């Protein structure tokens, strides 16, 4: 491949990376909020969240991307392809993250909460300083695993015209009639992105452990 092809692939990889990172950031936070609400066991709201989580997890990502991009305009909501892609990825990953966080809530030692209550610690202080750092450490491998799945599933956004790494790869292949080289190059870039994510996981785990001390 020539230099221009590599430049296009890197630009596509950057698009894949930043869109995925935005969706991941929203997904982690939204998942935490959903898990927290579900632990409160509010009957109607809990049932609605169960339906949302079940549908979001069961729906193929490419179907969700198409559904949002094509159906929202009928409701008077016109989203450009990039916001639609971010929304689809966020809805998908937040459902998986919600279950990861909920499992962390359920497995958190009850004794620590009782100890905090016995010394008069406020709930928000307890959650922020004691509970959340430990939950983050325990959940981080599962969260990063979900992040990697999201990045590997992100080529679904190419179907609505987002010029991500996969779409750029297809364009180069159609022009050069040599699909193998751009596919191998795209695979290498995906490996680099996932590798960086794993490196960040290690750094985040070390920082979380220092904060939890």
Protein backbone atom coordinates (compact mmCIF):
# COMPACT_ATOMS: atom_id res chain seq x y z
CA UNK A 1 0.00 0.00 0.00
CA UNK A 2 1.08 3.57 -0.60
CA UNK A 3 1.42 6.38 1.92
CA UNK A 4 -1.99 7.86 1.10
CA UNK A 5 -3.70 4.56 1.87
CA UNK A 6 -1.96 4.39 5.23
CA UNK A 7 -2.99 7.97 6.00
CA UNK A 8 -6.61 7.13 5.18
CA UNK A 9 -6.49 4.02 7.35
CA UNK A 10 -5.04 5.96 10.28
CA UNK A 11 -7.75 8.61 9.91
CA UNK A 12 -10.36 5.84 9.87
CA UNK A 13 -8.78 4.27 12.95
CA UNK A 14 -8.92 7.62 14.72
CA UNK A 15 -12.63 7.93 13.90
CA UNK A 16 -13.23 4.43 15.24
CA UNK A 17 -11.24 5.22 18.38
CA UNK A 18 -12.82 8.52 19.35
CA UNK A 19 -16.39 7.44 18.62
CA UNK A 20 -15.86 4.25 20.61
CA UNK A 21 -14.24 6.16 23.50
CA UNK A 22 -17.14 8.60 23.73
CA UNK A 23 -19.63 5.72 23.74
CA UNK A 24 -17.56 3.85 26.32
CA UNK A 25 -17.41 6.88 28.64
CA UNK A 26 -21.16 7.43 28.45
CA UNK A 27 -21.82 3.70 28.69
CA UNK A 28 -19.80 3.20 31.86
CA UNK A 29 -21.51 6.10 33.63
CA UNK A 30 -25.02 5.26 32.39
CA UNK A 31 -24.48 1.61 33.27
CA UNK A 32 -23.48 2.59 36.81
CA UNK A 33 -26.60 4.75 37.18
CA UNK A 34 -28.83 1.98 35.85
CA UNK A 35 -27.28 -0.55 38.22
CA UNK A 36 -27.73 1.82 41.16
CA UNK A 37 -31.40 2.38 40.30
CA UNK A 38 -31.98 -1.34 39.87
CA UNK A 39 -30.52 -2.04 43.30
CA UNK A 40 -33.25 0.22 44.72
CA UNK A 41 -35.84 -2.24 43.34
CA UNK A 42 -38.47 0.32 42.32
CA UNK A 43 -41.12 -1.98 40.76
CA UNK A 44 -42.14 -0.28 37.48
CA UNK A 45 -38.81 1.39 36.80
CA UNK A 46 -36.91 -1.82 37.50
CA UNK A 47 -39.09 -3.75 35.04
CA UNK A 48 -38.60 -1.11 32.36
CA UNK A 49 -34.83 -1.22 32.87
CA UNK A 50 -34.87 -5.03 32.63
CA UNK A 51 -36.67 -4.76 29.29
CA UNK A 52 -34.18 -2.15 28.05
CA UNK A 53 -31.17 -4.23 29.12
CA UNK A 54 -32.58 -7.39 27.59
CA UNK A 55 -33.40 -5.73 24.26
CA UNK A 56 -30.11 -3.84 24.04
CA UNK A 57 -28.06 -6.95 24.78
CA UNK A 58 -30.05 -9.20 22.45
CA UNK A 59 -30.20 -6.83 19.47
CA UNK A 60 -27.28 -7.11 17.02
CA UNK A 61 -25.31 -3.88 17.00
CA UNK A 62 -25.73 -3.37 13.26
CA UNK A 63 -29.50 -3.69 13.66
CA UNK A 64 -29.51 -1.15 16.48
CA UNK A 65 -27.45 1.29 14.41
CA UNK A 66 -29.83 1.01 11.45
CA UNK A 67 -32.93 1.21 13.62
CA UNK A 68 -31.86 4.43 15.31
CA UNK A 69 -30.61 6.06 12.13
CA UNK A 70 -33.75 5.24 10.14
CA UNK A 71 -36.47 5.36 12.79
CA UNK A 72 -35.64 8.49 14.79
CA UNK A 73 -36.40 10.87 11.85
CA UNK A 74 -39.97 9.49 11.79
CA UNK A 75 -40.30 10.79 15.36
CA UNK A 76 -39.00 14.21 14.37
CA UNK A 77 -35.51 13.52 15.76
CA UNK A 78 -32.93 14.09 13.05
CA UNK A 79 -29.49 12.87 13.99
CA UNK A 80 -26.42 13.03 11.81
CA UNK A 81 -24.69 9.72 11.20
CA UNK A 82 -21.97 10.32 13.80
CA UNK A 83 -24.31 11.17 16.72
CA UNK A 84 -26.52 8.25 15.69
CA UNK A 85 -23.50 5.94 15.76
CA UNK A 86 -22.45 7.19 19.21
CA UNK A 87 -26.01 6.77 20.52
CA UNK A 88 -26.25 3.21 19.20
CA UNK A 89 -22.90 2.19 20.68
CA UNK A 90 -23.77 3.86 23.98
CA UNK A 91 -27.13 2.11 24.28
CA UNK A 92 -25.47 -1.20 23.53
CA UNK A 93 -22.54 -0.95 25.90
CA UNK A 94 -24.46 0.69 28.76
CA UNK A 95 -26.73 -2.37 28.95
CA UNK A 96 -23.75 -4.69 29.37
CA UNK A 97 -22.04 -2.29 31.77
CA UNK A 98 -25.19 -2.10 33.89
CA UNK A 99 -25.04 -5.84 34.52
CA UNK A 100 -21.33 -5.67 35.35
CA UNK A 101 -21.92 -2.88 37.87
CA UNK A 102 -25.00 -4.61 39.31
CA UNK A 103 -22.97 -7.73 39.93
CA UNK A 104 -20.35 -5.58 41.70
CA UNK A 105 -23.07 -4.04 43.88
CA UNK A 106 -24.46 -7.45 44.81
CA UNK A 107 -21.06 -8.91 45.67
CA UNK A 108 -19.86 -5.97 47.74
CA UNK A 109 -19.22 -6.97 51.38
CA UNK A 110 -22.17 -6.01 53.56
CA UNK A 111 -19.86 -5.75 56.56
CA UNK A 112 -18.17 -2.65 55.15
CA UNK A 113 -21.49 -0.85 54.79
CA UNK A 114 -22.46 -1.76 58.33
CA UNK A 115 -19.10 -0.55 59.61
CA UNK A 116 -19.53 2.77 57.79
CA UNK A 117 -23.03 3.19 59.22
CA UNK A 118 -21.78 2.42 62.73
CA UNK A 119 -19.35 5.36 62.62
CA UNK A 120 -21.97 7.72 61.16
CA UNK A 121 -20.48 8.00 57.68
CA UNK A 122 -22.81 9.56 55.14
CA UNK A 123 -24.00 7.33 52.33
CA UNK A 124 -22.54 9.49 49.56
CA UNK A 125 -19.17 9.67 51.32
CA UNK A 126 -19.22 5.91 51.86
CA UNK A 127 -20.12 5.26 48.23
CA UNK A 128 -17.54 7.68 46.81
CA UNK A 129 -14.59 6.93 49.09
CA UNK A 130 -15.02 3.25 49.97
CA UNK A 131 -17.48 1.44 47.75
CA UNK A 132 -16.83 2.86 44.28
CA UNK A 133 -13.00 2.49 44.27
CA UNK A 134 -13.27 -1.17 45.27
CA UNK A 135 -16.06 -1.84 42.78
CA UNK A 136 -13.96 -0.20 40.08
CA UNK A 137 -10.99 -2.46 40.81
CA UNK A 138 -13.13 -5.61 40.84
CA UNK A 139 -15.14 -4.67 37.74
CA UNK A 140 -12.33 -3.22 35.63
CA UNK A 141 -11.36 -6.47 33.83
CA UNK A 142 -14.99 -7.12 32.87
CA UNK A 143 -15.50 -3.48 31.86
CA UNK A 144 -12.38 -3.48 29.68
CA UNK A 145 -13.47 -6.76 28.13
CA UNK A 146 -16.79 -5.13 27.23
CA UNK A 147 -14.93 -2.10 25.85
CA UNK A 148 -12.86 -4.34 23.58
CA UNK A 149 -16.01 -6.08 22.35
CA UNK A 150 -17.54 -2.69 21.58
CA UNK A 151 -14.51 -1.57 19.58
CA UNK A 152 -14.49 -4.84 17.66
CA UNK A 153 -18.21 -4.42 17.03
CA UNK A 154 -17.89 -0.77 15.99
CA UNK A 155 -17.58 -1.60 12.25
CA UNK A 156 -21.39 -1.76 12.38
CA UNK A 157 -21.44 2.05 12.23
CA UNK A 158 -19.97 1.94 8.73
CA UNK A 159 -23.35 0.80 7.42
CA UNK A 160 -24.81 4.29 7.92
CA UNK A 161 -21.88 6.02 6.25
CA UNK A 162 -19.51 6.76 9.12
CA UNK A 163 -16.02 6.77 7.65
CA UNK A 164 -14.45 4.50 10.23
CA UNK A 165 -11.58 2.06 9.82
CA UNK A 166 -13.73 -0.63 8.23
CA UNK A 167 -15.33 1.72 5.70
CA UNK A 168 -11.93 3.12 4.72
CA UNK A 169 -10.64 -0.44 4.28
CA UNK A 170 -13.52 -1.25 1.94
CA UNK A 171 -12.93 1.93 -0.07
CA UNK A 172 -9.23 1.20 -0.54
CA UNK A 173 -9.97 -2.40 -1.51
CA UNK A 174 -12.52 -1.31 -4.12
CA UNK A 175 -10.08 1.16 -5.67
CA UNK A 176 -6.91 -0.93 -5.64
CA UNK A 177 -8.56 -4.34 -6.25
CA UNK A 178 -6.11 -5.70 -3.66
CA UNK A 179 -8.21 -6.43 -0.55
CA UNK A 180 -5.63 -8.40 1.41
CA UNK A 181 -3.19 -5.57 2.16
CA UNK A 182 -5.73 -3.06 3.53
CA UNK A 183 -7.49 -5.80 5.50
CA UNK A 184 -4.23 -6.88 7.14
CA UNK A 185 -3.35 -3.24 7.83
CA UNK A 186 -6.78 -2.61 9.36
CA UNK A 187 -6.38 -5.73 11.49
CA UNK A 188 -3.04 -4.44 12.73
CA UNK A 189 -4.57 -1.10 13.66
CA UNK A 190 -7.38 -2.81 15.57
CA UNK A 191 -4.79 -4.88 17.45
CA UNK A 192 -2.91 -1.68 18.35
CA UNK A 193 -6.12 -0.01 19.59
CA UNK A 194 -7.07 -3.01 21.74
CA UNK A 195 -3.48 -3.24 23.00
CA UNK A 196 -3.56 0.39 24.09
CA UNK A 197 -6.84 -0.28 25.87
CA UNK A 198 -5.27 -3.15 27.80
CA UNK A 199 -2.32 -0.92 28.73
CA UNK A 200 -4.75 1.69 30.03
CA UNK A 201 -6.49 -1.04 32.03
CA UNK A 202 -3.27 -1.85 33.84
CA UNK A 203 -2.61 1.83 34.58
CA UNK A 204 -6.19 2.35 35.80
CA UNK A 205 -5.98 -0.68 38.08
CA UNK A 206 -2.76 0.59 39.66
CA UNK A 207 -4.20 4.06 40.18
CA UNK A 208 -7.47 2.69 41.61
CA UNK A 209 -5.55 0.52 44.07
CA UNK A 210 -3.52 3.53 45.25
CA UNK A 211 -6.71 5.57 45.74
CA UNK A 212 -8.37 2.73 47.61
CA UNK A 213 -5.61 2.56 50.22
